[in-house]
C-alpha atoms as a PDB file:
ATOM      1  CA  MET A   1     114.403   6.513 104.124  1.00  0.00           C
ATOM      2  CA  VAL A   2     113.004   3.746 106.334  1.00  0.00           C
ATOM      3  CA  THR A   3     109.472   4.455 107.530  1.00  0.00           C
ATOM      4  CA  SER A   4     107.544   3.026 110.476  1.00  0.00           C
ATOM      5  CA  GLU A   5     105.434   1.107 107.948  1.00  0.00           C
ATOM      6  CA  ASP A   6     108.584  -0.534 106.569  1.00  0.00           C
ATOM      7  CA  ASN A   7     109.602  -1.531 110.085  1.00  0.00           C
ATOM      8  CA  ASP A   8     106.155  -3.038 110.653  1.00  0.00           C
ATOM      9  CA  LYS A   9     106.654  -5.290 107.612  1.00  0.00           C
ATOM     10  CA  ARG A  10     109.999  -6.656 108.770  1.00  0.00           C
ATOM     11  CA  GLY A  11     110.172 -10.047 110.384  1.00  0.00           C
ATOM     12  CA  THR A  12     111.542 -13.558 110.150  1.00  0.00           C
ATOM     13  CA  VAL A  13     110.429 -16.339 107.825  1.00  0.00           C
ATOM     14  CA  TYR A  14     111.294 -19.839 109.008  1.00  0.00           C
ATOM     15  CA  ILE A  15     111.309 -23.447 107.786  1.00  0.00           C
ATOM     16  CA  LEU A  16     110.576 -26.164 110.348  1.00  0.00           C
ATOM     17  CA  THR A  17     110.638 -29.949 110.217  1.00  0.00           C
ATOM     18  CA  ASN A  18     109.454 -32.575 112.684  1.00  0.00           C
ATOM     19  CA  GLU A  19     110.625 -36.178 113.048  1.00  0.00           C
ATOM     20  CA  SER A  20     107.061 -37.280 113.727  1.00  0.00           C
ATOM     21  CA  MET A  21     105.953 -35.868 110.360  1.00  0.00           C
ATOM     22  CA  PRO A  22     108.444 -37.233 107.818  1.00  0.00           C
ATOM     23  CA  GLY A  23     108.211 -35.642 104.391  1.00  0.00           C
ATOM     24  CA  HIS A  24     106.494 -32.519 105.753  1.00  0.00           C
ATOM     25  CA  ILE A  25     107.800 -29.007 106.361  1.00  0.00           C
ATOM     26  CA  LYS A  26     106.234 -25.917 107.872  1.00  0.00           C
ATOM     27  CA  ILE A  27     106.799 -22.482 106.330  1.00  0.00           C
ATOM     28  CA  GLY A  28     105.821 -19.646 108.635  1.00  0.00           C
ATOM     29  CA  MET A  29     106.815 -16.255 110.009  1.00  0.00           C
ATOM     30  CA  VAL A  30     107.217 -14.274 113.214  1.00  0.00           C
ATOM     31  CA  GLY A  31     107.385 -10.540 113.723  1.00  0.00           C
ATOM     32  CA  GLY A  32     110.719 -10.501 115.550  1.00  0.00           C
ATOM     33  CA  GLU A  33     114.209 -10.507 114.104  1.00  0.00           C
ATOM     34  CA  SER A  34     116.221 -12.777 116.379  1.00  0.00           C
ATOM     35  CA  PRO A  35     116.737 -16.517 116.946  1.00  0.00           C
ATOM     36  CA  LYS A  36     114.883 -16.173 120.245  1.00  0.00           C
ATOM     37  CA  ASP A  37     111.714 -15.129 118.390  1.00  0.00           C
ATOM     38  CA  VAL A  38     111.875 -18.322 116.331  1.00  0.00           C
ATOM     39  CA  GLU A  39     112.599 -20.388 119.443  1.00  0.00           C
ATOM     40  CA  ALA A  40     109.534 -18.917 121.135  1.00  0.00           C
ATOM     41  CA  ARG A  41     107.392 -19.891 118.163  1.00  0.00           C
ATOM     42  CA  MET A  42     108.804 -23.431 118.240  1.00  0.00           C
ATOM     43  CA  ARG A  43     107.917 -23.725 121.918  1.00  0.00           C
ATOM     44  CA  VAL A  44     104.336 -22.693 121.173  1.00  0.00           C
ATOM     45  CA  LEU A  45     104.112 -25.360 118.475  1.00  0.00           C
ATOM     46  CA  ASP A  46     105.508 -28.027 120.805  1.00  0.00           C
ATOM     47  CA  ASP A  47     102.159 -28.840 122.428  1.00  0.00           C
ATOM     48  CA  THR A  48     100.443 -32.067 123.416  1.00  0.00           C
ATOM     49  CA  GLY A  49      99.176 -32.599 119.863  1.00  0.00           C
ATOM     50  CA  VAL A  50     102.706 -33.083 118.478  1.00  0.00           C
ATOM     51  CA  PRO A  51     104.680 -36.106 119.727  1.00  0.00           C
ATOM     52  CA  ARG A  52     108.105 -34.721 118.754  1.00  0.00           C
ATOM     53  CA  PRO A  53     109.625 -31.224 118.948  1.00  0.00           C
ATOM     54  CA  PHE A  54     110.191 -29.107 115.847  1.00  0.00           C
ATOM     55  CA  ASP A  55     113.621 -28.414 114.362  1.00  0.00           C
ATOM     56  CA  CYS A  56     114.403 -25.150 112.571  1.00  0.00           C
ATOM     57  CA  VAL A  57     116.163 -25.851 109.286  1.00  0.00           C
ATOM     58  CA  TYR A  58     116.510 -22.198 108.316  1.00  0.00           C
ATOM     59  CA  ALA A  59     115.250 -18.815 109.474  1.00  0.00           C
ATOM     60  CA  ALA A  60     115.988 -15.450 107.881  1.00  0.00           C
ATOM     61  CA  VAL A  61     115.129 -11.816 108.505  1.00  0.00           C
ATOM     62  CA  VAL A  62     113.417 -10.247 105.484  1.00  0.00           C
ATOM     63  CA  ALA A  63     112.116  -6.778 104.673  1.00  0.00           C
ATOM     64  CA  ASP A  64     108.497  -7.869 104.185  1.00  0.00           C
ATOM     65  CA  ALA A  65     107.896 -11.097 106.077  1.00  0.00           C
ATOM     66  CA  ARG A  66     104.203 -11.456 105.273  1.00  0.00           C
ATOM     67  CA  THR A  67     104.759 -11.051 101.536  1.00  0.00           C
ATOM     68  CA  VAL A  68     107.709 -13.454 101.469  1.00  0.00           C
ATOM     69  CA  GLU A  69     105.778 -16.052 103.450  1.00  0.00           C
ATOM     70  CA  SER A  70     102.745 -15.681 101.167  1.00  0.00           C
ATOM     71  CA  THR A  71     104.925 -15.965  98.061  1.00  0.00           C
ATOM     72  CA  LEU A  72     106.544 -19.170  99.296  1.00  0.00           C
ATOM     73  CA  HIS A  73     103.118 -20.581 100.116  1.00  0.00           C
ATOM     74  CA  LYS A  74     101.985 -19.849  96.550  1.00  0.00           C
ATOM     75  CA  VAL A  75     105.144 -21.213  94.920  1.00  0.00           C
ATOM     76  CA  PHE A  76     104.774 -24.519  96.743  1.00  0.00           C
ATOM     77  CA  GLY A  77     100.987 -24.366  96.890  1.00  0.00           C
ATOM     78  CA  ASP A  78     100.444 -27.584  94.973  1.00  0.00           C
ATOM     79  CA  ARG A  79     102.136 -29.414  97.870  1.00  0.00           C
ATOM     80  CA  ARG A  80     100.189 -27.696 100.617  1.00  0.00           C
ATOM     81  CA  VAL A  81      98.513 -30.202 102.935  1.00  0.00           C
ATOM     82  CA  ARG A  82      95.482 -28.012 103.673  1.00  0.00           C
ATOM     83  CA  PRO A  83      94.627 -24.443 102.580  1.00  0.00           C
ATOM     84  CA  ASN A  84      94.422 -23.198 106.177  1.00  0.00           C
ATOM     85  CA  ARG A  85      97.647 -24.895 107.335  1.00  0.00           C
ATOM     86  CA  GLU A  86     101.281 -23.919 106.767  1.00  0.00           C
ATOM     87  CA  PHE A  87     102.427 -27.492 106.180  1.00  0.00           C
ATOM     88  CA  PHE A  88     103.728 -28.803 102.862  1.00  0.00           C
ATOM     89  CA  GLU A  89     104.312 -32.404 101.829  1.00  0.00           C
ATOM     90  CA  GLY A  90     106.968 -33.742  99.471  1.00  0.00           C
ATOM     91  CA  VAL A  91     108.864 -30.459  99.134  1.00  0.00           C
ATOM     92  CA  GLU A  92     112.651 -30.677  99.351  1.00  0.00           C
ATOM     93  CA  VAL A  93     113.815 -28.406 102.157  1.00  0.00           C
ATOM     94  CA  PHE A  94     116.776 -27.133 100.164  1.00  0.00           C
ATOM     95  CA  ARG A  95     114.438 -25.709  97.489  1.00  0.00           C
ATOM     96  CA  VAL A  96     112.547 -23.590 100.010  1.00  0.00           C
ATOM     97  CA  LYS A  97     115.788 -22.560 101.700  1.00  0.00           C
ATOM     98  CA  ALA A  98     117.303 -21.603  98.346  1.00  0.00           C
ATOM     99  CA  ALA A  99     114.316 -19.401  97.488  1.00  0.00           C
ATOM    100  CA  LEU A 100     114.238 -17.771 100.926  1.00  0.00           C
ATOM    101  CA  SER A 101     117.981 -17.129 100.991  1.00  0.00           C
ATOM    102  CA  LEU A 102     117.672 -14.921  97.887  1.00  0.00           C
ATOM    103  CA  VAL A 103     115.744 -12.280  99.861  1.00  0.00           C
ATOM    104  CA  ALA A 104     117.336 -12.917 103.251  1.00  0.00           C
ATOM    105  CA  GLU A 105     118.950 -10.003 105.034  1.00  0.00           C
ATOM    106  CA  ARG A 106     120.319 -12.038 107.917  1.00  0.00           C
ATOM    107  CA  ASP A 107     120.415 -15.691 108.907  1.00  0.00           C
ATOM    108  CA  VAL A 108     118.835 -16.117 112.355  1.00  0.00           C
ATOM    109  CA  THR A 109     118.486 -19.911 112.426  1.00  0.00           C
ATOM    110  CA  PRO A 110     118.430 -20.790 116.136  1.00  0.00           C
ATOM    111  CA  GLY A 111     120.777 -23.767 115.881  1.00  0.00           C
ATOM    112  CA  ILE A 112     118.904 -25.549 118.667  1.00  0.00           C
ATOM    113  CA  THR A 113     116.159 -28.076 119.151  1.00  0.00           C
ATOM    114  CA  ILE A 114     113.280 -27.217 121.436  1.00  0.00           C
ATOM    115  CA  ASP A 115     112.542 -30.290 123.550  1.00  0.00           C
ATOM    116  CA  THR A 116     110.848 -31.079 126.845  1.00  0.00           C
ATOM    117  CA  ASN A 117     112.342 -32.661 129.948  1.00  0.00           C
ATOM    118  CA  GLU A 118     110.751 -35.261 132.235  1.00  0.00           C
ATOM    119  CA  GLU A 119     108.800 -32.532 134.029  1.00  0.00           C
ATOM    120  CA  GLY A 120     107.335 -31.316 130.745  1.00  0.00           C
ATOM    121  CA  GLU A 121     109.350 -28.092 130.790  1.00  0.00           C
ATOM    122  CA  ALA A 122     110.754 -26.651 127.583  1.00  0.00           C
ATOM    123  CA  VAL A 123     114.509 -27.022 127.255  1.00  0.00           C
ATOM    124  CA  GLN A 124     117.043 -26.162 124.586  1.00  0.00           C
ATOM    125  CA  VAL A 125     119.266 -28.849 123.114  1.00  0.00           C
ATOM    126  CA  LYS A 126     122.128 -27.882 120.834  1.00  0.00           C
ATOM    127  CA  PRO A 127     122.584 -30.369 117.988  1.00  0.00           C
ATOM    128  CA  PRO A 128     126.099 -31.319 116.929  1.00  0.00           C
ATOM    129  CA  LYS A 129     127.535 -28.865 114.438  1.00  0.00           C
ATOM    130  CA  ARG A 130     127.782 -30.262 110.922  1.00  0.00           C
ATOM    131  CA  PRO A 131     131.258 -30.077 109.384  1.00  0.00           C
ATOM    132  CA  PRO A 132     131.744 -27.878 106.297  1.00  0.00           C
ATOM    133  CA  PHE A 133     130.977 -29.507 102.965  1.00  0.00           C
ATOM    134  CA  ARG A 134     133.758 -31.456 101.296  1.00  0.00           C
ATOM    135  CA  PHE A 135     133.527 -33.399  98.034  1.00  0.00           C
ATOM    136  CA  SER A 136     135.173 -36.417  99.659  1.00  0.00           C
ATOM    137  CA  MET A 137     132.305 -36.760 102.150  1.00  0.00           C
ATOM    138  CA  VAL A 138     129.908 -37.401  99.237  1.00  0.00           C
ATOM    139  CA  ASP A 139     132.260 -39.661  97.279  1.00  0.00           C
ATOM    140  CA  ILE A 140     132.831 -37.241  94.409  1.00  0.00           C
ATOM    141  CA  PRO A 141     136.356 -37.464  92.922  1.00  0.00           C
ATOM    142  CA  ASN A 142     138.422 -34.701  91.378  1.00  0.00           C
ATOM    143  CA  GLY A 143     137.545 -34.011  87.756  1.00  0.00           C
ATOM    144  CA  THR A 144     133.835 -34.678  88.222  1.00  0.00           C
ATOM    145  CA  GLU A 145     131.554 -32.331  86.277  1.00  0.00           C
ATOM    146  CA  LEU A 146     128.728 -30.603  88.179  1.00  0.00           C
ATOM    147  CA  ALA A 147     125.721 -28.837  86.646  1.00  0.00           C
ATOM    148  CA  PHE A 148     124.110 -25.664  87.964  1.00  0.00           C
ATOM    149  CA  LEU A 149     120.586 -26.235  89.261  1.00  0.00           C
ATOM    150  CA  ARG A 150     119.125 -23.124  87.618  1.00  0.00           C
ATOM    151  CA  ASP A 151     120.716 -23.798  84.218  1.00  0.00           C
ATOM    152  CA  GLU A 152     122.256 -27.219  83.625  1.00  0.00           C
ATOM    153  CA  ASN A 153     124.165 -25.860  80.647  1.00  0.00           C
ATOM    154  CA  ILE A 154     126.363 -24.091  83.198  1.00  0.00           C
ATOM    155  CA  THR A 155     128.947 -26.510  84.559  1.00  0.00           C
ATOM    156  CA  CYS A 156     132.078 -26.638  86.661  1.00  0.00           C
ATOM    157  CA  LYS A 157     134.598 -29.369  87.530  1.00  0.00           C
ATOM    158  CA  VAL A 158     135.752 -30.506  90.941  1.00  0.00           C
ATOM    159  CA  LYS A 159     139.406 -29.523  91.393  1.00  0.00           C
ATOM    160  CA  ASP A 160     140.068 -30.630  94.979  1.00  0.00           C
ATOM    161  CA  ASP A 161     138.142 -31.335  98.161  1.00  0.00           C
ATOM    162  CA  ARG A 162     136.973 -27.731  98.555  1.00  0.00           C
ATOM    163  CA  HIS A 163     137.235 -26.050  95.149  1.00  0.00           C
ATOM    164  CA  VAL A 164     135.950 -26.271  91.587  1.00  0.00           C
ATOM    165  CA  GLU A 165     137.231 -25.069  88.242  1.00  0.00           C
ATOM    166  CA  TYR A 166     134.916 -22.635  86.480  1.00  0.00           C
ATOM    167  CA  GLY A 167     136.322 -21.485  83.184  1.00  0.00           C
ATOM    168  CA  GLU A 168     139.922 -20.593  83.952  1.00  0.00           C
ATOM    169  CA  ASP A 169     139.235 -19.794  87.599  1.00  0.00           C
ATOM    170  CA  THR A 170     139.463 -21.887  90.741  1.00  0.00           C
ATOM    171  CA  ARG A 171     136.541 -21.075  93.037  1.00  0.00           C
ATOM    172  CA  SER A 172     134.703 -22.189  96.139  1.00  0.00           C
ATOM    173  CA  LEU A 173     131.110 -23.244  95.497  1.00  0.00           C
ATOM    174  CA  SER A 174     129.301 -20.622  97.572  1.00  0.00           C
ATOM    175  CA  PRO A 175     130.986 -17.494  96.101  1.00  0.00           C
ATOM    176  CA  LEU A 176     130.566 -18.925  92.592  1.00  0.00           C
ATOM    177  CA  THR A 177     126.893 -19.626  93.254  1.00  0.00           C
ATOM    178  CA  GLN A 178     126.376 -16.133  94.626  1.00  0.00           C
ATOM    179  CA  GLU A 179     127.868 -14.678  91.453  1.00  0.00           C
ATOM    180  CA  LEU A 180     125.699 -16.819  89.161  1.00  0.00           C
ATOM    181  CA  LEU A 181     122.544 -15.974  91.110  1.00  0.00           C
ATOM    182  CA  ASN A 182     123.502 -12.314  91.437  1.00  0.00           C
ATOM    183  CA  ALA A 183     122.413 -12.729  95.057  1.00  0.00           C
ATOM    184  CA  PRO A 184     123.104 -10.124  97.771  1.00  0.00           C
ATOM    185  CA  ARG A 185     124.351 -12.786 100.186  1.00  0.00           C
ATOM    186  CA  SER A 186     126.355 -15.951  99.841  1.00  0.00           C
ATOM    187  CA  PRO A 187     124.016 -18.978  99.562  1.00  0.00           C
ATOM    188  CA  ALA A 188     124.815 -22.565 100.459  1.00  0.00           C
ATOM    189  CA  GLY A 189     126.648 -23.676  97.323  1.00  0.00           C
ATOM    190  CA  PRO A 190     125.833 -27.420  97.645  1.00  0.00           C
ATOM    191  CA  ASP A 191     122.120 -26.570  97.365  1.00  0.00           C
ATOM    192  CA  TYR A 192     122.597 -25.377  93.770  1.00  0.00           C
ATOM    193  CA  TRP A 193     124.866 -27.923  92.077  1.00  0.00           C
ATOM    194  CA  LEU A 194     123.802 -31.275  90.650  1.00  0.00           C
ATOM    195  CA  TYR A 195     125.582 -34.609  90.383  1.00  0.00           C
ATOM    196  CA  GLN A 196     123.832 -37.675  88.999  1.00  0.00           C
ATOM    197  CA  GLY A 197     120.405 -36.061  89.235  1.00  0.00           C
ATOM    198  CA  GLU A 198     120.549 -34.792  92.811  1.00  0.00           C
ATOM    199  CA  THR A 199     121.970 -31.713  94.447  1.00  0.00           C
ATOM    200  CA  LEU A 200     125.116 -32.043  96.508  1.00  0.00           C
ATOM    201  CA  SER A 201     123.053 -31.288  99.631  1.00  0.00           C
ATOM    202  CA  GLU A 202     120.586 -34.053  98.784  1.00  0.00           C
ATOM    203  CA  ARG A 203     123.440 -36.453  98.107  1.00  0.00           C
ATOM    204  CA  ARG A 204     125.110 -35.573 101.396  1.00  0.00           C
ATOM    205  CA  ARG A 205     121.890 -36.093 103.342  1.00  0.00           C
ATOM    206  CA  ARG A 206     121.169 -39.406 101.582  1.00  0.00           C
ATOM    207  CA  LEU A 207     124.656 -40.797 102.148  1.00  0.00           C
ATOM    208  CA  GLU A 208     124.645 -39.713 105.787  1.00  0.00           C
ATOM    209  CA  GLU A 209     121.326 -41.478 106.334  1.00  0.00           C
ATOM    210  CA  GLU A 210     122.587 -44.622 104.581  1.00  0.00           C
ATOM    211  CA  ARG A 211     125.728 -44.656 106.709  1.00  0.00           C
ATOM    212  CA  LEU A 212     123.702 -44.316 109.886  1.00  0.00           C
ATOM    213  CA  GLU A 213     121.434 -47.162 108.798  1.00  0.00           C
ATOM    214  CA  ASN A 214     124.457 -49.356 108.083  1.00  0.00           C
ATOM    215  CA  GLU A 215     125.910 -48.542 111.490  1.00  0.00           C
ATOM    216  CA  ASP A 216     122.604 -49.514 113.137  1.00  0.00           C
ATOM    217  CA  ILE A 217     122.544 -52.819 111.224  1.00  0.00           C
ATOM    218  CA  GLU A 218     126.143 -53.609 112.155  1.00  0.00           C
ATOM    219  CA  GLY A 219     125.397 -52.765 115.773  1.00  0.00           C
ATOM    220  CA  ASP A 220     122.447 -55.188 116.012  1.00  0.00           C
END
């Protein structure tokens, strides 16, 4: 039976980044349960003291938002910039997202950037949608062994561009990861598998940044 007190605890925990604060993330919460509630919070944060707008990396509805937020703050407390601020330095976004996704009931990431136009009015800008993960996009050939982030003794092998071999089964990364974590919802598989000391998500992000840098150099 769901009580009014339970409903009062519900809310959304979010992870924000900002281009003007490289290496920093903000972990916070709002009482609502929709992308619009997160967008409203981002607009409030986009004031004259911040040169660039915030981007929402991940936002999820949880049963007890205050407790989840507090727990994340404690887990990453050694990287907290100041005790009375929700900013953390040097924390990989995927680690926070992975922890939050374990208790997430619903993904409500806005999928937009809150920006301002020439008149200073808040506007919404949809970023280009990232293509689904493929092993070829991170230069990982078939037959490569991957290790599970939570227990590196657990491994699988890349079978083709979208699947891995785990034991005698051929699986996609996300369903396999969900099974290993015993998680209620399917997580982002690339966040949990390691290759050459970095997760697949980290490798993808690094290679994408390197390719962009090379394109900029070639364009000069």
